[in-house]
Amino acid sequence: MFADDFETEAFGVNGFYTASDFIILADRFDLIPARRDRILAAFAQSDRLNQVMALVRSSFLSREAQEAYLTICSDRRKALAIPL
């Protein structure tokens, strides 16, 4: 995620990106904290996951592919909720 091969402590511990990694990235981009928080909150909203689920369920993916995709989406949403 970082151009200079920088690895956060959270990534080293968890093996995947969490909210704290995106906070560090936002800080590197000099995003205003309020804007950063709004962006992260938008990804964590349950209605977003419901929208994704509806789109995936109406897609032409096989049932197995739909389940795999939804599992990935759910896991990534949970990762965004992991605090610093």
C-alpha atoms as a PDB file:
ATOM      1  CA  MET A   1       0.000   0.000   0.000  1.00  0.00           C
ATOM      2  CA  PHE A   2       2.935   2.337   0.658  1.00  0.00           C
ATOM      3  CA  ALA A   3       5.310   3.268  -2.160  1.00  0.00           C
ATOM      4  CA  ASP A   4       8.438   3.114  -0.029  1.00  0.00           C
ATOM      5  CA  ASP A   5       7.778  -0.454   1.248  1.00  0.00           C
ATOM      6  CA  PHE A   6       6.855   1.009   4.631  1.00  0.00           C
ATOM      7  CA  GLU A   7       5.022  -1.510   6.787  1.00  0.00           C
ATOM      8  CA  THR A   8       2.904  -0.473   9.735  1.00  0.00           C
ATOM      9  CA  GLU A   9       3.017  -2.288  13.036  1.00  0.00           C
ATOM     10  CA  ALA A  10      -0.635  -3.275  12.617  1.00  0.00           C
ATOM     11  CA  PHE A  11       0.033  -4.876   9.234  1.00  0.00           C
ATOM     12  CA  GLY A  12       3.003  -6.748  10.653  1.00  0.00           C
ATOM     13  CA  VAL A  13       0.877  -8.107  13.495  1.00  0.00           C
ATOM     14  CA  ASN A  14      -2.340  -8.818  11.570  1.00  0.00           C
ATOM     15  CA  GLY A  15      -1.073  -9.623   8.087  1.00  0.00           C
ATOM     16  CA  PHE A  16      -3.758  -7.425   6.536  1.00  0.00           C
ATOM     17  CA  TYR A  17      -4.605  -3.739   6.403  1.00  0.00           C
ATOM     18  CA  THR A  18      -6.783  -2.235   9.105  1.00  0.00           C
ATOM     19  CA  ALA A  19      -8.234   1.187   9.817  1.00  0.00           C
ATOM     20  CA  SER A  20      -4.990   2.258  11.464  1.00  0.00           C
ATOM     21  CA  ASP A  21      -3.088   1.597   8.225  1.00  0.00           C
ATOM     22  CA  PHE A  22      -5.482   3.799   6.288  1.00  0.00           C
ATOM     23  CA  ILE A  23      -5.198   6.499   8.930  1.00  0.00           C
ATOM     24  CA  ILE A  24      -1.419   6.499   8.473  1.00  0.00           C
ATOM     25  CA  LEU A  25      -1.866   6.606   4.690  1.00  0.00           C
ATOM     26  CA  ALA A  26      -4.308   9.521   4.983  1.00  0.00           C
ATOM     27  CA  ASP A  27      -1.816  11.350   7.186  1.00  0.00           C
ATOM     28  CA  ARG A  28       0.882  10.809   4.562  1.00  0.00           C
ATOM     29  CA  PHE A  29      -1.467  12.405   2.021  1.00  0.00           C
ATOM     30  CA  ASP A  30      -2.128  15.275   4.449  1.00  0.00           C
ATOM     31  CA  LEU A  31      -5.858  14.633   4.519  1.00  0.00           C
ATOM     32  CA  ILE A  32      -7.794  16.619   7.062  1.00  0.00           C
ATOM     33  CA  PRO A  33      -8.661  14.224   9.937  1.00  0.00           C
ATOM     34  CA  ALA A  34     -12.396  14.946   9.644  1.00  0.00           C
ATOM     35  CA  ARG A  35     -12.352  14.044   5.944  1.00  0.00           C
ATOM     36  CA  ARG A  36     -10.291  10.933   6.628  1.00  0.00           C
ATOM     37  CA  ASP A  37     -12.772   9.822   9.278  1.00  0.00           C
ATOM     38  CA  ARG A  38     -15.758  10.405   6.960  1.00  0.00           C
ATOM     39  CA  ILE A  39     -14.132   8.287   4.257  1.00  0.00           C
ATOM     40  CA  LEU A  40     -13.395   5.422   6.644  1.00  0.00           C
ATOM     41  CA  ALA A  41     -16.890   5.638   8.139  1.00  0.00           C
ATOM     42  CA  ALA A  42     -18.450   5.402   4.683  1.00  0.00           C
ATOM     43  CA  PHE A  43     -16.775   2.034   4.101  1.00  0.00           C
ATOM     44  CA  ALA A  44     -17.866   0.723   7.480  1.00  0.00           C
ATOM     45  CA  GLN A  45     -21.581   1.542   7.077  1.00  0.00           C
ATOM     46  CA  SER A  46     -23.845  -1.497   7.119  1.00  0.00           C
ATOM     47  CA  ASP A  47     -26.044  -0.121   4.337  1.00  0.00           C
ATOM     48  CA  ARG A  48     -22.990  -0.165   2.033  1.00  0.00           C
ATOM     49  CA  LEU A  49     -22.497  -3.844   2.733  1.00  0.00           C
ATOM     50  CA  ASN A  50     -26.198  -4.416   2.075  1.00  0.00           C
ATOM     51  CA  GLN A  51     -25.849  -2.669  -1.298  1.00  0.00           C
ATOM     52  CA  VAL A  52     -22.845  -4.819  -2.182  1.00  0.00           C
ATOM     53  CA  MET A  53     -24.701  -7.956  -1.127  1.00  0.00           C
ATOM     54  CA  ALA A  54     -27.683  -7.065  -3.308  1.00  0.00           C
ATOM     55  CA  LEU A  55     -25.468  -6.395  -6.324  1.00  0.00           C
ATOM     56  CA  VAL A  56     -23.533  -9.618  -5.875  1.00  0.00           C
ATOM     57  CA  ARG A  57     -26.698 -11.659  -5.372  1.00  0.00           C
ATOM     58  CA  SER A  58     -28.141 -10.279  -8.622  1.00  0.00           C
ATOM     59  CA  SER A  59     -24.926 -10.888 -10.547  1.00  0.00           C
ATOM     60  CA  PHE A  60     -24.166 -13.694 -12.968  1.00  0.00           C
ATOM     61  CA  LEU A  61     -21.528 -15.146 -10.646  1.00  0.00           C
ATOM     62  CA  SER A  62     -21.973 -18.740  -9.578  1.00  0.00           C
ATOM     63  CA  ARG A  63     -23.398 -19.285  -6.097  1.00  0.00           C
ATOM     64  CA  GLU A  64     -19.931 -20.369  -4.893  1.00  0.00           C
ATOM     65  CA  ALA A  65     -18.279 -17.258  -6.358  1.00  0.00           C
ATOM     66  CA  GLN A  66     -20.948 -15.040  -4.791  1.00  0.00           C
ATOM     67  CA  GLU A  67     -20.320 -16.566  -1.370  1.00  0.00           C
ATOM     68  CA  ALA A  68     -16.552 -16.199  -1.735  1.00  0.00           C
ATOM     69  CA  TYR A  69     -16.871 -12.568  -2.825  1.00  0.00           C
ATOM     70  CA  LEU A  70     -19.230 -11.709   0.021  1.00  0.00           C
ATOM     71  CA  THR A  71     -16.912 -13.370   2.532  1.00  0.00           C
ATOM     72  CA  ILE A  72     -14.019 -11.231   1.282  1.00  0.00           C
ATOM     73  CA  CYS A  73     -16.147  -8.066   1.494  1.00  0.00           C
ATOM     74  CA  SER A  74     -17.268  -8.910   5.009  1.00  0.00           C
ATOM     75  CA  ASP A  75     -13.718  -9.682   6.150  1.00  0.00           C
ATOM     76  CA  ARG A  76     -12.405  -6.421   4.725  1.00  0.00           C
ATOM     77  CA  ARG A  77     -15.195  -4.445   6.363  1.00  0.00           C
ATOM     78  CA  LYS A  78     -14.338  -6.052   9.704  1.00  0.00           C
ATOM     79  CA  ALA A  79     -10.669  -5.182   9.178  1.00  0.00           C
ATOM     80  CA  LEU A  80     -11.587  -1.527   8.767  1.00  0.00           C
ATOM     81  CA  ALA A  81     -13.244  -1.655  12.169  1.00  0.00           C
ATOM     82  CA  ILE A  82     -10.059  -2.842  13.926  1.00  0.00           C
ATOM     83  CA  PRO A  83      -8.812   0.140  15.937  1.00  0.00           C
ATOM     84  CA  LEU A  84      -5.293   1.463  16.336  1.00  0.00           C
END
